[in-house]
């Protein structure tokens, strides 16, 4: 629960500190500018709020790792929902409006997470999880999108080290394999999820794991 808060606060702070011109730069998400990614984060925050007030009585069907739907097909940016996000982001017109909306809804999602009972069962996307597992899954979401945010912004603040480490551990559990110990957590997450292609040297280090990549999470 604490790691959710730290990862989410760091991501929102990174967005708040961006100069306006950076919103028109590419993000690490295919087909999305930084402004599109920030708009997606607003929707993510709304999802957190909705899920935490949608209690369930059934036994959990997923946990923090099995929450993710895994594919080996990277997004192209042509998905209708992805395209809708681009249109919504453009409607804001000014970065300050996007910043305000993310701070408003994002702060509420952060408070709701702090107040949630980790053992409470919640429902989302026809799944039942404990609130603790749901919020743990979102540590990976926030960390990956923080890396997406700064993909072409070398001066921007990076995700918290503990969030990177936890996200790497979850990705390795999803993959059922361990990435090379010499790799940084950032490189592991970016290469592992298809955010960048491995170099020839990295491919050699990956060995049989190469055939499992990319691990596209949805």
N, C-alpha and C. Protein backbone atom coordinates (compact mmCIF):
# COMPACT_ATOMS: atom_id res chain seq x y z
N UNK A 1 0.84 -1.19 0.00
CA UNK A 1 0.00 0.00 0.00
C UNK A 1 0.89 1.25 0.00
N UNK A 2 1.93 1.24 0.82
CA UNK A 2 2.84 2.38 0.90
C UNK A 2 3.58 2.57 -0.42
N UNK A 3 3.95 1.47 -1.06
CA UNK A 3 4.68 1.57 -2.33
C UNK A 3 3.78 2.12 -3.43
N UNK A 4 2.49 1.79 -3.40
CA UNK A 4 1.54 2.40 -4.33
C UNK A 4 1.58 3.91 -4.18
N UNK A 5 1.48 4.38 -2.94
CA UNK A 5 1.45 5.82 -2.69
C UNK A 5 2.73 6.51 -3.14
N UNK A 6 3.87 5.89 -2.85
CA UNK A 6 5.14 6.51 -3.23
C UNK A 6 5.30 6.56 -4.75
N UNK A 7 4.92 5.48 -5.42
CA UNK A 7 5.05 5.43 -6.88
C UNK A 7 4.11 6.43 -7.54
N UNK A 8 2.89 6.52 -7.04
CA UNK A 8 1.88 7.40 -7.61
C UNK A 8 2.23 8.87 -7.34
N UNK A 9 2.69 9.16 -6.15
CA UNK A 9 3.09 10.53 -5.83
C UNK A 9 4.26 10.97 -6.69
N UNK A 10 5.22 10.08 -6.89
CA UNK A 10 6.39 10.41 -7.71
C UNK A 10 5.99 10.68 -9.15
N UNK A 11 5.06 9.89 -9.67
CA UNK A 11 4.63 10.08 -11.05
C UNK A 11 3.87 11.39 -11.21
N UNK A 12 2.97 11.68 -10.28
CA UNK A 12 2.21 12.93 -10.37
C UNK A 12 3.11 14.14 -10.19
N UNK A 13 4.11 14.02 -9.33
CA UNK A 13 5.05 15.11 -9.14
C UNK A 13 5.87 15.35 -10.41
N UNK A 14 6.28 14.27 -11.06
CA UNK A 14 7.03 14.40 -12.31
C UNK A 14 6.21 15.13 -13.37
N UNK A 15 4.92 14.81 -13.46
CA UNK A 15 4.04 15.50 -14.41
C UNK A 15 3.91 16.97 -14.05
N UNK A 16 3.71 17.26 -12.77
CA UNK A 16 3.52 18.64 -12.32
C UNK A 16 4.73 19.51 -12.62
N UNK A 17 5.91 18.90 -12.63
CA UNK A 17 7.14 19.67 -12.83
C UNK A 17 7.52 19.84 -14.30
N UNK A 18 6.79 19.22 -15.21
CA UNK A 18 7.12 19.33 -16.64
C UNK A 18 6.81 20.72 -17.17
N UNK A 19 7.72 21.30 -17.94
CA UNK A 19 7.38 22.55 -18.63
C UNK A 19 6.38 22.27 -19.73
N UNK A 20 5.61 23.28 -20.10
CA UNK A 20 4.53 23.09 -21.06
C UNK A 20 4.99 22.47 -22.37
N UNK A 21 6.18 22.87 -22.84
CA UNK A 21 6.63 22.37 -24.14
C UNK A 21 6.86 20.86 -24.15
N UNK A 22 7.09 20.26 -22.99
CA UNK A 22 7.32 18.82 -22.94
C UNK A 22 6.06 18.01 -23.20
N UNK A 23 4.90 18.61 -23.05
CA UNK A 23 3.65 17.89 -23.29
C UNK A 23 3.46 17.53 -24.76
N UNK A 24 4.17 18.22 -25.64
CA UNK A 24 4.06 17.95 -27.08
C UNK A 24 5.16 17.01 -27.55
N UNK A 25 5.99 16.52 -26.65
CA UNK A 25 7.06 15.59 -27.02
C UNK A 25 6.53 14.15 -27.02
N UNK A 26 7.22 13.25 -27.71
CA UNK A 26 6.78 11.84 -27.70
C UNK A 26 6.93 11.23 -26.31
N UNK A 27 6.06 10.29 -26.02
CA UNK A 27 6.20 9.51 -24.79
C UNK A 27 6.74 8.14 -25.17
N UNK A 28 6.88 7.27 -24.18
CA UNK A 28 7.33 5.91 -24.46
C UNK A 28 6.22 4.99 -24.91
N UNK A 29 5.00 5.51 -25.01
CA UNK A 29 3.86 4.72 -25.50
C UNK A 29 3.67 4.97 -26.99
N UNK A 30 3.64 3.92 -27.77
CA UNK A 30 3.54 4.05 -29.23
C UNK A 30 2.33 4.88 -29.62
N UNK A 31 2.56 5.92 -30.41
CA UNK A 31 1.47 6.75 -30.91
C UNK A 31 0.99 7.83 -29.97
N UNK A 32 1.56 7.90 -28.78
CA UNK A 32 1.12 8.90 -27.80
C UNK A 32 2.19 9.94 -27.51
N UNK A 33 1.77 11.20 -27.45
CA UNK A 33 2.61 12.26 -26.93
C UNK A 33 2.53 12.23 -25.40
N UNK A 34 3.35 13.02 -24.76
CA UNK A 34 3.30 13.10 -23.30
C UNK A 34 1.92 13.52 -22.83
N UNK A 35 1.29 14.47 -23.53
CA UNK A 35 -0.05 14.91 -23.11
C UNK A 35 -1.06 13.78 -23.17
N UNK A 36 -0.92 12.88 -24.15
CA UNK A 36 -1.83 11.74 -24.26
C UNK A 36 -1.64 10.79 -23.08
N UNK A 37 -0.39 10.56 -22.72
CA UNK A 37 -0.09 9.70 -21.59
C UNK A 37 -0.66 10.29 -20.30
N UNK A 38 -0.52 11.59 -20.11
CA UNK A 38 -1.04 12.23 -18.91
C UNK A 38 -2.57 12.12 -18.87
N UNK A 39 -3.20 12.25 -20.01
CA UNK A 39 -4.65 12.07 -20.08
C UNK A 39 -5.02 10.64 -19.67
N UNK A 40 -4.24 9.67 -20.11
CA UNK A 40 -4.47 8.28 -19.72
C UNK A 40 -4.33 8.11 -18.21
N UNK A 41 -3.41 8.83 -17.60
CA UNK A 41 -3.23 8.74 -16.15
C UNK A 41 -4.45 9.26 -15.41
N UNK A 42 -5.12 10.25 -15.97
CA UNK A 42 -6.38 10.74 -15.38
C UNK A 42 -7.41 9.62 -15.38
N UNK A 43 -7.50 8.90 -16.50
CA UNK A 43 -8.44 7.78 -16.59
C UNK A 43 -8.04 6.67 -15.62
N UNK A 44 -6.75 6.40 -15.51
CA UNK A 44 -6.26 5.40 -14.55
C UNK A 44 -6.68 5.76 -13.13
N UNK A 45 -6.53 7.04 -12.77
CA UNK A 45 -6.91 7.49 -11.43
C UNK A 45 -8.40 7.29 -11.20
N UNK A 46 -9.20 7.57 -12.22
CA UNK A 46 -10.64 7.34 -12.10
C UNK A 46 -10.94 5.86 -11.89
N UNK A 47 -10.20 5.00 -12.59
CA UNK A 47 -10.38 3.55 -12.43
C UNK A 47 -10.07 3.10 -11.01
N UNK A 48 -9.02 3.67 -10.43
CA UNK A 48 -8.67 3.33 -9.05
C UNK A 48 -9.81 3.73 -8.11
N UNK A 49 -10.32 4.93 -8.28
CA UNK A 49 -11.42 5.39 -7.44
C UNK A 49 -12.65 4.49 -7.58
N UNK A 50 -12.99 4.16 -8.81
CA UNK A 50 -14.17 3.33 -9.06
C UNK A 50 -13.99 1.94 -8.44
N UNK A 51 -12.82 1.35 -8.65
CA UNK A 51 -12.58 0.00 -8.15
C UNK A 51 -12.61 -0.06 -6.63
N UNK A 52 -12.03 0.92 -5.97
CA UNK A 52 -11.96 0.89 -4.51
C UNK A 52 -13.32 1.08 -3.84
N UNK A 53 -14.31 1.56 -4.60
CA UNK A 53 -15.67 1.68 -4.04
C UNK A 53 -16.62 0.69 -4.71
N UNK A 54 -16.04 -0.37 -5.28
CA UNK A 54 -16.85 -1.44 -5.88
C UNK A 54 -16.53 -2.73 -5.13
N UNK A 55 -17.17 -2.94 -3.97
CA UNK A 55 -16.86 -4.11 -3.16
C UNK A 55 -17.38 -5.39 -3.80
N UNK A 56 -16.75 -6.50 -3.44
CA UNK A 56 -17.15 -7.82 -3.93
C UNK A 56 -17.23 -8.78 -2.75
N UNK A 57 -18.10 -9.76 -2.87
CA UNK A 57 -18.23 -10.76 -1.80
C UNK A 57 -17.64 -12.10 -2.22
N UNK A 58 -17.42 -12.29 -3.51
CA UNK A 58 -16.87 -13.56 -4.00
C UNK A 58 -15.41 -13.70 -3.60
N UNK A 59 -14.91 -14.93 -3.69
CA UNK A 59 -13.49 -15.18 -3.43
C UNK A 59 -12.64 -14.52 -4.52
N UNK A 60 -11.44 -14.04 -4.17
CA UNK A 60 -10.58 -13.44 -5.20
C UNK A 60 -10.27 -14.40 -6.33
N UNK A 61 -10.29 -13.89 -7.54
CA UNK A 61 -9.96 -14.69 -8.72
C UNK A 61 -8.58 -14.33 -9.28
N UNK A 62 -8.03 -13.22 -8.86
CA UNK A 62 -6.72 -12.76 -9.32
C UNK A 62 -5.93 -12.18 -8.15
N UNK A 63 -4.62 -12.04 -8.36
CA UNK A 63 -3.78 -11.34 -7.40
C UNK A 63 -2.99 -10.26 -8.15
N UNK A 64 -1.98 -9.69 -7.50
CA UNK A 64 -1.25 -8.57 -8.10
C UNK A 64 -0.54 -8.95 -9.39
N UNK A 65 -0.17 -10.21 -9.54
CA UNK A 65 0.54 -10.66 -10.74
C UNK A 65 -0.43 -11.16 -11.80
N UNK A 66 -1.40 -11.97 -11.40
CA UNK A 66 -2.35 -12.52 -12.38
C UNK A 66 -3.40 -11.50 -12.80
N UNK A 67 -3.39 -10.33 -12.18
CA UNK A 67 -4.27 -9.23 -12.61
C UNK A 67 -4.04 -8.89 -14.09
N UNK A 68 -2.82 -9.05 -14.54
CA UNK A 68 -2.46 -8.59 -15.88
C UNK A 68 -2.84 -9.59 -16.96
N UNK A 69 -3.41 -9.07 -18.04
CA UNK A 69 -3.61 -9.87 -19.25
C UNK A 69 -2.35 -9.73 -20.09
N UNK A 70 -1.77 -10.84 -20.46
CA UNK A 70 -0.46 -10.83 -21.13
C UNK A 70 -0.61 -11.17 -22.61
N UNK A 71 0.06 -10.39 -23.43
CA UNK A 71 0.06 -10.61 -24.88
C UNK A 71 1.50 -10.49 -25.36
N UNK A 72 1.76 -10.95 -26.56
CA UNK A 72 3.10 -10.76 -27.15
C UNK A 72 3.04 -9.80 -28.33
N UNK A 73 1.91 -9.09 -28.46
CA UNK A 73 1.74 -8.14 -29.56
C UNK A 73 1.78 -6.72 -29.05
N UNK A 74 2.82 -5.97 -29.35
CA UNK A 74 2.92 -4.59 -28.87
C UNK A 74 1.80 -3.72 -29.45
N UNK A 75 1.36 -2.71 -28.71
CA UNK A 75 0.33 -1.82 -29.22
C UNK A 75 0.83 -1.02 -30.41
N UNK A 76 -0.08 -0.70 -31.31
CA UNK A 76 0.27 0.08 -32.50
C UNK A 76 -0.19 1.52 -32.41
N UNK A 77 -1.05 1.81 -31.44
CA UNK A 77 -1.63 3.14 -31.32
C UNK A 77 -2.92 3.28 -32.09
N UNK A 78 -3.35 2.20 -32.78
CA UNK A 78 -4.55 2.26 -33.60
C UNK A 78 -5.80 1.78 -32.87
N UNK A 79 -5.65 1.27 -31.65
CA UNK A 79 -6.80 0.81 -30.90
C UNK A 79 -7.77 1.97 -30.70
N UNK A 80 -9.10 1.72 -30.82
CA UNK A 80 -10.07 2.82 -30.67
C UNK A 80 -9.96 3.56 -29.34
N UNK A 81 -9.69 2.84 -28.25
CA UNK A 81 -9.56 3.51 -26.96
C UNK A 81 -8.30 4.37 -26.90
N UNK A 82 -7.23 3.89 -27.55
CA UNK A 82 -6.01 4.69 -27.62
C UNK A 82 -6.27 5.97 -28.41
N UNK A 83 -7.00 5.83 -29.51
CA UNK A 83 -7.32 6.99 -30.34
C UNK A 83 -8.22 7.97 -29.59
N UNK A 84 -9.14 7.44 -28.78
CA UNK A 84 -10.01 8.30 -27.98
C UNK A 84 -9.19 9.10 -26.98
N UNK A 85 -8.20 8.48 -26.39
CA UNK A 85 -7.33 9.17 -25.43
C UNK A 85 -6.63 10.35 -26.09
N UNK A 86 -6.19 10.16 -27.32
CA UNK A 86 -5.52 11.24 -28.05
C UNK A 86 -6.48 12.41 -28.26
N UNK A 87 -7.72 12.11 -28.62
CA UNK A 87 -8.71 13.17 -28.84
C UNK A 87 -9.05 13.89 -27.54
N UNK A 88 -9.18 13.14 -26.46
CA UNK A 88 -9.47 13.75 -25.16
C UNK A 88 -8.33 14.67 -24.73
N UNK A 89 -7.10 14.19 -24.92
CA UNK A 89 -5.94 14.99 -24.52
C UNK A 89 -5.89 16.30 -25.30
N UNK A 90 -6.19 16.24 -26.59
CA UNK A 90 -6.17 17.45 -27.43
C UNK A 90 -7.23 18.45 -26.98
N UNK A 91 -8.33 17.95 -26.43
CA UNK A 91 -9.42 18.83 -26.01
C UNK A 91 -9.03 19.71 -24.83
N UNK A 92 -8.03 19.30 -24.07
CA UNK A 92 -7.60 20.12 -22.94
C UNK A 92 -6.93 21.41 -23.40
N UNK A 93 -6.31 21.38 -24.57
CA UNK A 93 -5.68 22.54 -25.21
C UNK A 93 -4.47 23.07 -24.45
N UNK A 94 -4.58 23.27 -23.14
CA UNK A 94 -3.46 23.83 -22.38
C UNK A 94 -2.95 22.81 -21.36
N UNK A 95 -1.65 22.61 -21.28
CA UNK A 95 -1.09 21.65 -20.32
C UNK A 95 -1.53 21.90 -18.88
N UNK A 96 -1.72 23.17 -18.49
CA UNK A 96 -2.10 23.46 -17.11
C UNK A 96 -3.44 22.84 -16.75
N UNK A 97 -4.32 22.69 -17.74
CA UNK A 97 -5.63 22.09 -17.47
C UNK A 97 -5.47 20.58 -17.22
N UNK A 98 -4.61 19.96 -17.99
CA UNK A 98 -4.33 18.54 -17.77
C UNK A 98 -3.66 18.34 -16.41
N UNK A 99 -2.72 19.19 -16.09
CA UNK A 99 -2.04 19.10 -14.79
C UNK A 99 -3.05 19.23 -13.65
N UNK A 100 -3.95 20.20 -13.79
CA UNK A 100 -4.95 20.42 -12.74
C UNK A 100 -5.85 19.20 -12.57
N UNK A 101 -6.31 18.64 -13.68
CA UNK A 101 -7.22 17.49 -13.60
C UNK A 101 -6.51 16.28 -13.01
N UNK A 102 -5.28 16.04 -13.42
CA UNK A 102 -4.54 14.92 -12.85
C UNK A 102 -4.30 15.12 -11.36
N UNK A 103 -3.95 16.34 -10.96
CA UNK A 103 -3.72 16.60 -9.54
C UNK A 103 -5.01 16.41 -8.74
N UNK A 104 -6.12 16.86 -9.30
CA UNK A 104 -7.41 16.78 -8.61
C UNK A 104 -7.87 15.33 -8.43
N UNK A 105 -7.97 14.61 -9.54
CA UNK A 105 -8.44 13.23 -9.49
C UNK A 105 -7.37 12.32 -8.90
N UNK A 106 -6.12 12.59 -9.25
CA UNK A 106 -5.02 11.77 -8.76
C UNK A 106 -4.85 11.85 -7.26
N UNK A 107 -5.01 13.04 -6.70
CA UNK A 107 -4.92 13.19 -5.25
C UNK A 107 -6.04 12.40 -4.56
N UNK A 108 -7.23 12.44 -5.15
CA UNK A 108 -8.36 11.70 -4.58
C UNK A 108 -8.10 10.20 -4.62
N UNK A 109 -7.54 9.72 -5.72
CA UNK A 109 -7.21 8.29 -5.83
C UNK A 109 -6.15 7.91 -4.80
N UNK A 110 -5.19 8.80 -4.57
CA UNK A 110 -4.17 8.54 -3.57
C UNK A 110 -4.75 8.46 -2.17
N UNK A 111 -5.67 9.36 -1.85
CA UNK A 111 -6.31 9.34 -0.53
C UNK A 111 -7.16 8.09 -0.35
N UNK A 112 -7.87 7.71 -1.40
CA UNK A 112 -8.71 6.51 -1.33
C UNK A 112 -7.85 5.27 -1.08
N UNK A 113 -6.68 5.22 -1.71
CA UNK A 113 -5.78 4.08 -1.51
C UNK A 113 -5.27 4.02 -0.08
N UNK A 114 -4.95 5.18 0.49
CA UNK A 114 -4.46 5.22 1.87
C UNK A 114 -5.53 4.78 2.86
N UNK A 115 -6.80 5.04 2.54
CA UNK A 115 -7.91 4.70 3.44
C UNK A 115 -8.42 3.28 3.25
N UNK A 116 -8.02 2.64 2.15
CA UNK A 116 -8.56 1.31 1.82
C UNK A 116 -8.07 0.24 2.80
N UNK A 117 -8.94 -0.72 3.07
CA UNK A 117 -8.58 -1.91 3.85
C UNK A 117 -7.90 -2.89 2.89
N UNK A 118 -6.64 -3.23 3.10
CA UNK A 118 -5.94 -4.13 2.16
C UNK A 118 -6.65 -5.46 1.95
N UNK A 119 -7.39 -5.92 2.94
CA UNK A 119 -8.06 -7.21 2.81
C UNK A 119 -9.43 -7.14 2.19
N UNK A 120 -9.94 -5.94 1.97
CA UNK A 120 -11.25 -5.78 1.35
C UNK A 120 -11.24 -6.32 -0.08
N UNK A 121 -12.28 -7.04 -0.47
CA UNK A 121 -12.37 -7.54 -1.83
C UNK A 121 -13.05 -6.51 -2.72
N UNK A 122 -12.46 -6.30 -3.88
CA UNK A 122 -13.00 -5.34 -4.83
C UNK A 122 -13.14 -6.01 -6.20
N UNK A 123 -13.95 -5.41 -7.03
CA UNK A 123 -14.21 -5.98 -8.36
C UNK A 123 -13.85 -4.98 -9.45
N UNK A 124 -13.21 -5.47 -10.49
CA UNK A 124 -12.88 -4.65 -11.65
C UNK A 124 -12.69 -5.56 -12.85
N UNK A 125 -13.21 -5.15 -14.00
CA UNK A 125 -13.03 -5.91 -15.25
C UNK A 125 -13.36 -7.39 -15.09
N UNK A 126 -14.46 -7.68 -14.36
CA UNK A 126 -14.93 -9.04 -14.13
C UNK A 126 -13.93 -9.88 -13.34
N UNK A 127 -13.07 -9.22 -12.56
CA UNK A 127 -12.12 -9.89 -11.67
C UNK A 127 -12.43 -9.49 -10.24
N UNK A 128 -12.06 -10.35 -9.32
CA UNK A 128 -12.16 -10.03 -7.90
C UNK A 128 -10.76 -10.14 -7.30
N UNK A 129 -10.33 -9.08 -6.61
CA UNK A 129 -9.03 -9.06 -5.94
C UNK A 129 -9.21 -8.43 -4.57
N UNK A 130 -8.23 -8.62 -3.71
CA UNK A 130 -8.19 -7.80 -2.50
C UNK A 130 -7.70 -6.42 -2.92
N UNK A 131 -8.09 -5.42 -2.15
CA UNK A 131 -7.63 -4.06 -2.44
C UNK A 131 -6.11 -3.98 -2.40
N UNK A 132 -5.50 -4.74 -1.50
CA UNK A 132 -4.04 -4.74 -1.41
C UNK A 132 -3.39 -5.25 -2.68
N UNK A 133 -3.93 -6.35 -3.23
CA UNK A 133 -3.37 -6.88 -4.48
C UNK A 133 -3.62 -5.94 -5.65
N UNK A 134 -4.81 -5.35 -5.67
CA UNK A 134 -5.13 -4.41 -6.76
C UNK A 134 -4.15 -3.23 -6.75
N UNK A 135 -3.92 -2.66 -5.60
CA UNK A 135 -3.02 -1.52 -5.51
C UNK A 135 -1.57 -1.93 -5.77
N UNK A 136 -1.21 -3.15 -5.39
CA UNK A 136 0.14 -3.65 -5.69
C UNK A 136 0.35 -3.79 -7.19
N UNK A 137 -0.70 -4.24 -7.89
CA UNK A 137 -0.61 -4.35 -9.35
C UNK A 137 -0.35 -2.98 -9.97
N UNK A 138 -0.92 -1.96 -9.36
CA UNK A 138 -0.77 -0.62 -9.92
C UNK A 138 0.62 -0.02 -9.68
N UNK A 139 1.40 -0.61 -8.81
CA UNK A 139 2.79 -0.18 -8.69
C UNK A 139 3.50 -0.40 -10.02
N UNK A 140 3.21 -1.52 -10.66
CA UNK A 140 3.79 -1.81 -11.98
C UNK A 140 3.25 -0.83 -13.02
N UNK A 141 1.96 -0.54 -12.96
CA UNK A 141 1.35 0.43 -13.89
C UNK A 141 2.01 1.80 -13.76
N UNK A 142 2.10 2.28 -12.54
CA UNK A 142 2.69 3.62 -12.34
C UNK A 142 4.15 3.65 -12.75
N UNK A 143 4.89 2.61 -12.44
CA UNK A 143 6.32 2.59 -12.75
C UNK A 143 6.57 2.56 -14.25
N UNK A 144 5.83 1.70 -14.95
CA UNK A 144 5.99 1.65 -16.41
C UNK A 144 5.62 2.98 -17.05
N UNK A 145 4.53 3.57 -16.60
CA UNK A 145 4.12 4.84 -17.20
C UNK A 145 5.03 6.00 -16.79
N UNK A 146 5.67 5.88 -15.64
CA UNK A 146 6.67 6.89 -15.29
C UNK A 146 7.85 6.79 -16.27
N UNK A 147 8.25 5.57 -16.58
CA UNK A 147 9.31 5.39 -17.58
C UNK A 147 8.85 5.89 -18.95
N UNK A 148 7.58 5.67 -19.28
CA UNK A 148 7.05 6.18 -20.55
C UNK A 148 7.09 7.71 -20.57
N UNK A 149 6.75 8.31 -19.45
CA UNK A 149 6.70 9.77 -19.36
C UNK A 149 8.06 10.38 -19.66
N UNK A 150 9.12 9.77 -19.14
CA UNK A 150 10.46 10.37 -19.24
C UNK A 150 11.30 9.76 -20.35
N UNK A 151 10.68 8.94 -21.19
CA UNK A 151 11.43 8.22 -22.23
C UNK A 151 12.26 9.15 -23.11
N UNK A 152 11.74 10.34 -23.40
CA UNK A 152 12.46 11.31 -24.23
C UNK A 152 12.72 12.61 -23.48
N UNK A 153 12.71 12.50 -22.15
CA UNK A 153 12.93 13.68 -21.29
C UNK A 153 14.03 13.33 -20.28
N UNK A 154 15.28 13.33 -20.71
CA UNK A 154 16.37 12.86 -19.86
C UNK A 154 16.53 13.63 -18.56
N UNK A 155 16.03 14.87 -18.49
CA UNK A 155 16.19 15.65 -17.28
C UNK A 155 15.10 15.44 -16.25
N UNK A 156 14.06 14.67 -16.60
CA UNK A 156 12.92 14.49 -15.70
C UNK A 156 13.25 13.48 -14.59
N UNK A 157 12.55 13.62 -13.47
CA UNK A 157 12.78 12.73 -12.33
C UNK A 157 12.38 11.31 -12.65
N UNK A 158 13.17 10.36 -12.15
CA UNK A 158 12.92 8.93 -12.41
C UNK A 158 11.99 8.34 -11.36
N UNK A 159 11.45 7.14 -11.65
CA UNK A 159 10.60 6.48 -10.66
C UNK A 159 11.40 6.10 -9.42
N UNK A 160 10.75 5.93 -8.28
CA UNK A 160 11.45 5.51 -7.07
C UNK A 160 12.14 4.16 -7.27
N UNK A 161 13.31 4.01 -6.69
CA UNK A 161 14.09 2.78 -6.86
C UNK A 161 13.32 1.56 -6.37
N UNK A 162 12.61 1.71 -5.25
CA UNK A 162 11.87 0.57 -4.71
C UNK A 162 10.70 0.16 -5.61
N UNK A 163 10.12 1.14 -6.30
CA UNK A 163 9.06 0.83 -7.25
C UNK A 163 9.60 0.10 -8.48
N UNK A 164 10.77 0.52 -8.93
CA UNK A 164 11.42 -0.15 -10.04
C UNK A 164 11.76 -1.60 -9.68
N UNK A 165 12.28 -1.80 -8.48
CA UNK A 165 12.67 -3.15 -8.05
C UNK A 165 11.45 -4.05 -7.92
N UNK A 166 10.39 -3.54 -7.33
CA UNK A 166 9.17 -4.34 -7.17
C UNK A 166 8.55 -4.65 -8.54
N UNK A 167 8.57 -3.69 -9.44
CA UNK A 167 8.01 -3.90 -10.77
C UNK A 167 8.81 -4.94 -11.54
N UNK A 168 10.12 -4.88 -11.41
CA UNK A 168 10.96 -5.90 -12.05
C UNK A 168 10.61 -7.29 -11.51
N UNK A 169 10.46 -7.39 -10.20
CA UNK A 169 10.13 -8.69 -9.60
C UNK A 169 8.79 -9.21 -10.12
N UNK A 170 7.81 -8.32 -10.26
CA UNK A 170 6.51 -8.75 -10.78
C UNK A 170 6.61 -9.18 -12.24
N UNK A 171 7.39 -8.43 -13.03
CA UNK A 171 7.55 -8.80 -14.43
C UNK A 171 8.23 -10.15 -14.56
N UNK A 172 9.23 -10.41 -13.73
CA UNK A 172 9.91 -11.70 -13.77
C UNK A 172 8.97 -12.83 -13.35
N UNK A 173 8.09 -12.55 -12.41
CA UNK A 173 7.11 -13.56 -12.01
C UNK A 173 6.13 -13.83 -13.14
N UNK A 174 5.71 -12.77 -13.82
CA UNK A 174 4.82 -12.93 -14.97
C UNK A 174 5.51 -13.73 -16.07
N UNK A 175 6.79 -13.43 -16.30
CA UNK A 175 7.55 -14.11 -17.36
C UNK A 175 7.91 -15.53 -16.98
N UNK A 176 7.93 -15.82 -15.68
CA UNK A 176 8.38 -17.14 -15.23
C UNK A 176 9.86 -17.34 -15.47
N UNK A 177 10.60 -16.23 -15.47
CA UNK A 177 12.04 -16.29 -15.72
C UNK A 177 12.71 -15.06 -15.13
N UNK A 178 14.01 -15.15 -14.93
CA UNK A 178 14.77 -14.05 -14.35
C UNK A 178 15.59 -13.37 -15.44
N UNK A 179 15.56 -12.06 -15.48
CA UNK A 179 16.37 -11.30 -16.43
C UNK A 179 17.81 -11.23 -15.91
N UNK A 180 18.77 -10.96 -16.78
CA UNK A 180 20.18 -10.92 -16.35
C UNK A 180 20.38 -10.00 -15.16
N UNK A 181 21.11 -10.49 -14.18
CA UNK A 181 21.33 -9.73 -12.94
C UNK A 181 22.09 -8.43 -13.20
N UNK A 182 22.87 -8.39 -14.28
CA UNK A 182 23.65 -7.19 -14.58
C UNK A 182 22.79 -6.06 -15.14
N UNK A 183 21.57 -6.37 -15.54
CA UNK A 183 20.69 -5.36 -16.14
C UNK A 183 20.11 -4.47 -15.05
N UNK A 184 19.98 -3.19 -15.36
CA UNK A 184 19.27 -2.30 -14.44
C UNK A 184 17.79 -2.63 -14.46
N UNK A 185 17.10 -2.19 -13.43
CA UNK A 185 15.64 -2.41 -13.39
C UNK A 185 14.96 -1.69 -14.55
N UNK A 186 15.44 -0.50 -14.89
CA UNK A 186 14.84 0.26 -15.99
C UNK A 186 15.00 -0.49 -17.32
N UNK A 187 16.20 -0.98 -17.60
CA UNK A 187 16.42 -1.71 -18.85
C UNK A 187 15.57 -2.99 -18.88
N UNK A 188 15.49 -3.67 -17.75
CA UNK A 188 14.68 -4.88 -17.68
C UNK A 188 13.23 -4.59 -18.02
N UNK A 189 12.68 -3.53 -17.44
CA UNK A 189 11.28 -3.20 -17.67
C UNK A 189 11.04 -2.73 -19.10
N UNK A 190 11.95 -1.93 -19.61
CA UNK A 190 11.76 -1.40 -20.96
C UNK A 190 11.89 -2.49 -22.03
N UNK A 191 12.93 -3.30 -21.91
CA UNK A 191 13.13 -4.37 -22.88
C UNK A 191 12.07 -5.46 -22.68
N UNK A 192 11.82 -5.81 -21.44
CA UNK A 192 10.90 -6.90 -21.15
C UNK A 192 9.49 -6.65 -21.65
N UNK A 193 9.05 -5.38 -21.60
CA UNK A 193 7.68 -5.05 -22.04
C UNK A 193 7.64 -4.51 -23.46
N UNK A 194 8.75 -4.59 -24.16
CA UNK A 194 8.75 -4.17 -25.57
C UNK A 194 8.84 -2.68 -25.79
N UNK A 195 9.22 -1.94 -24.75
CA UNK A 195 9.33 -0.50 -24.91
C UNK A 195 10.59 -0.11 -25.68
N UNK A 196 11.54 -0.98 -25.72
CA UNK A 196 12.67 -0.84 -26.65
C UNK A 196 13.18 -2.23 -26.98
N UNK A 197 13.79 -2.34 -28.16
CA UNK A 197 14.33 -3.62 -28.59
C UNK A 197 15.67 -3.88 -27.91
N UNK A 198 15.97 -5.14 -27.59
CA UNK A 198 17.28 -5.43 -26.99
C UNK A 198 18.40 -5.25 -28.01
N UNK A 199 19.56 -4.86 -27.56
CA UNK A 199 20.72 -4.81 -28.43
C UNK A 199 21.17 -6.25 -28.71
N UNK A 200 22.09 -6.41 -29.64
CA UNK A 200 22.60 -7.75 -29.94
C UNK A 200 23.24 -8.37 -28.69
N UNK A 201 23.97 -7.55 -27.94
CA UNK A 201 24.62 -8.05 -26.73
C UNK A 201 23.58 -8.46 -25.69
N UNK A 202 22.55 -7.66 -25.55
CA UNK A 202 21.49 -7.97 -24.59
C UNK A 202 20.75 -9.24 -25.01
N UNK A 203 20.52 -9.37 -26.31
CA UNK A 203 19.83 -10.56 -26.82
C UNK A 203 20.62 -11.82 -26.48
N UNK A 204 21.93 -11.74 -26.60
CA UNK A 204 22.78 -12.89 -26.27
C UNK A 204 22.69 -13.22 -24.79
N UNK A 205 22.60 -12.19 -23.94
CA UNK A 205 22.48 -12.42 -22.50
C UNK A 205 21.12 -13.03 -22.14
N UNK A 206 20.11 -12.66 -22.90
CA UNK A 206 18.76 -13.15 -22.60
C UNK A 206 18.62 -14.65 -22.86
N UNK A 207 19.32 -15.12 -23.88
CA UNK A 207 19.23 -16.54 -24.22
C UNK A 207 17.81 -16.95 -24.56
N UNK A 208 17.33 -18.08 -24.00
CA UNK A 208 15.99 -18.58 -24.33
C UNK A 208 14.87 -17.62 -23.95
N UNK A 209 15.13 -16.71 -23.00
CA UNK A 209 14.09 -15.77 -22.59
C UNK A 209 13.69 -14.85 -23.73
N UNK A 210 14.57 -14.68 -24.72
CA UNK A 210 14.27 -13.82 -25.87
C UNK A 210 12.96 -14.24 -26.53
N UNK A 211 12.72 -15.54 -26.59
CA UNK A 211 11.52 -16.04 -27.25
C UNK A 211 10.23 -15.69 -26.55
N UNK A 212 10.31 -15.27 -25.28
CA UNK A 212 9.12 -14.88 -24.52
C UNK A 212 8.80 -13.39 -24.63
N UNK A 213 9.69 -12.66 -25.28
CA UNK A 213 9.53 -11.21 -25.32
C UNK A 213 8.94 -10.75 -26.64
N UNK A 214 8.22 -9.61 -26.62
CA UNK A 214 7.95 -8.78 -25.46
C UNK A 214 6.79 -9.32 -24.63
N UNK A 215 6.76 -8.94 -23.38
CA UNK A 215 5.65 -9.28 -22.49
C UNK A 215 4.77 -8.02 -22.44
N UNK A 216 3.72 -8.02 -23.20
CA UNK A 216 2.84 -6.86 -23.31
C UNK A 216 1.71 -6.99 -22.29
N UNK A 217 1.62 -6.03 -21.40
CA UNK A 217 0.64 -6.10 -20.31
C UNK A 217 -0.56 -5.23 -20.59
N UNK A 218 -1.73 -5.78 -20.34
CA UNK A 218 -2.95 -5.02 -20.56
C UNK A 218 -3.96 -5.26 -19.47
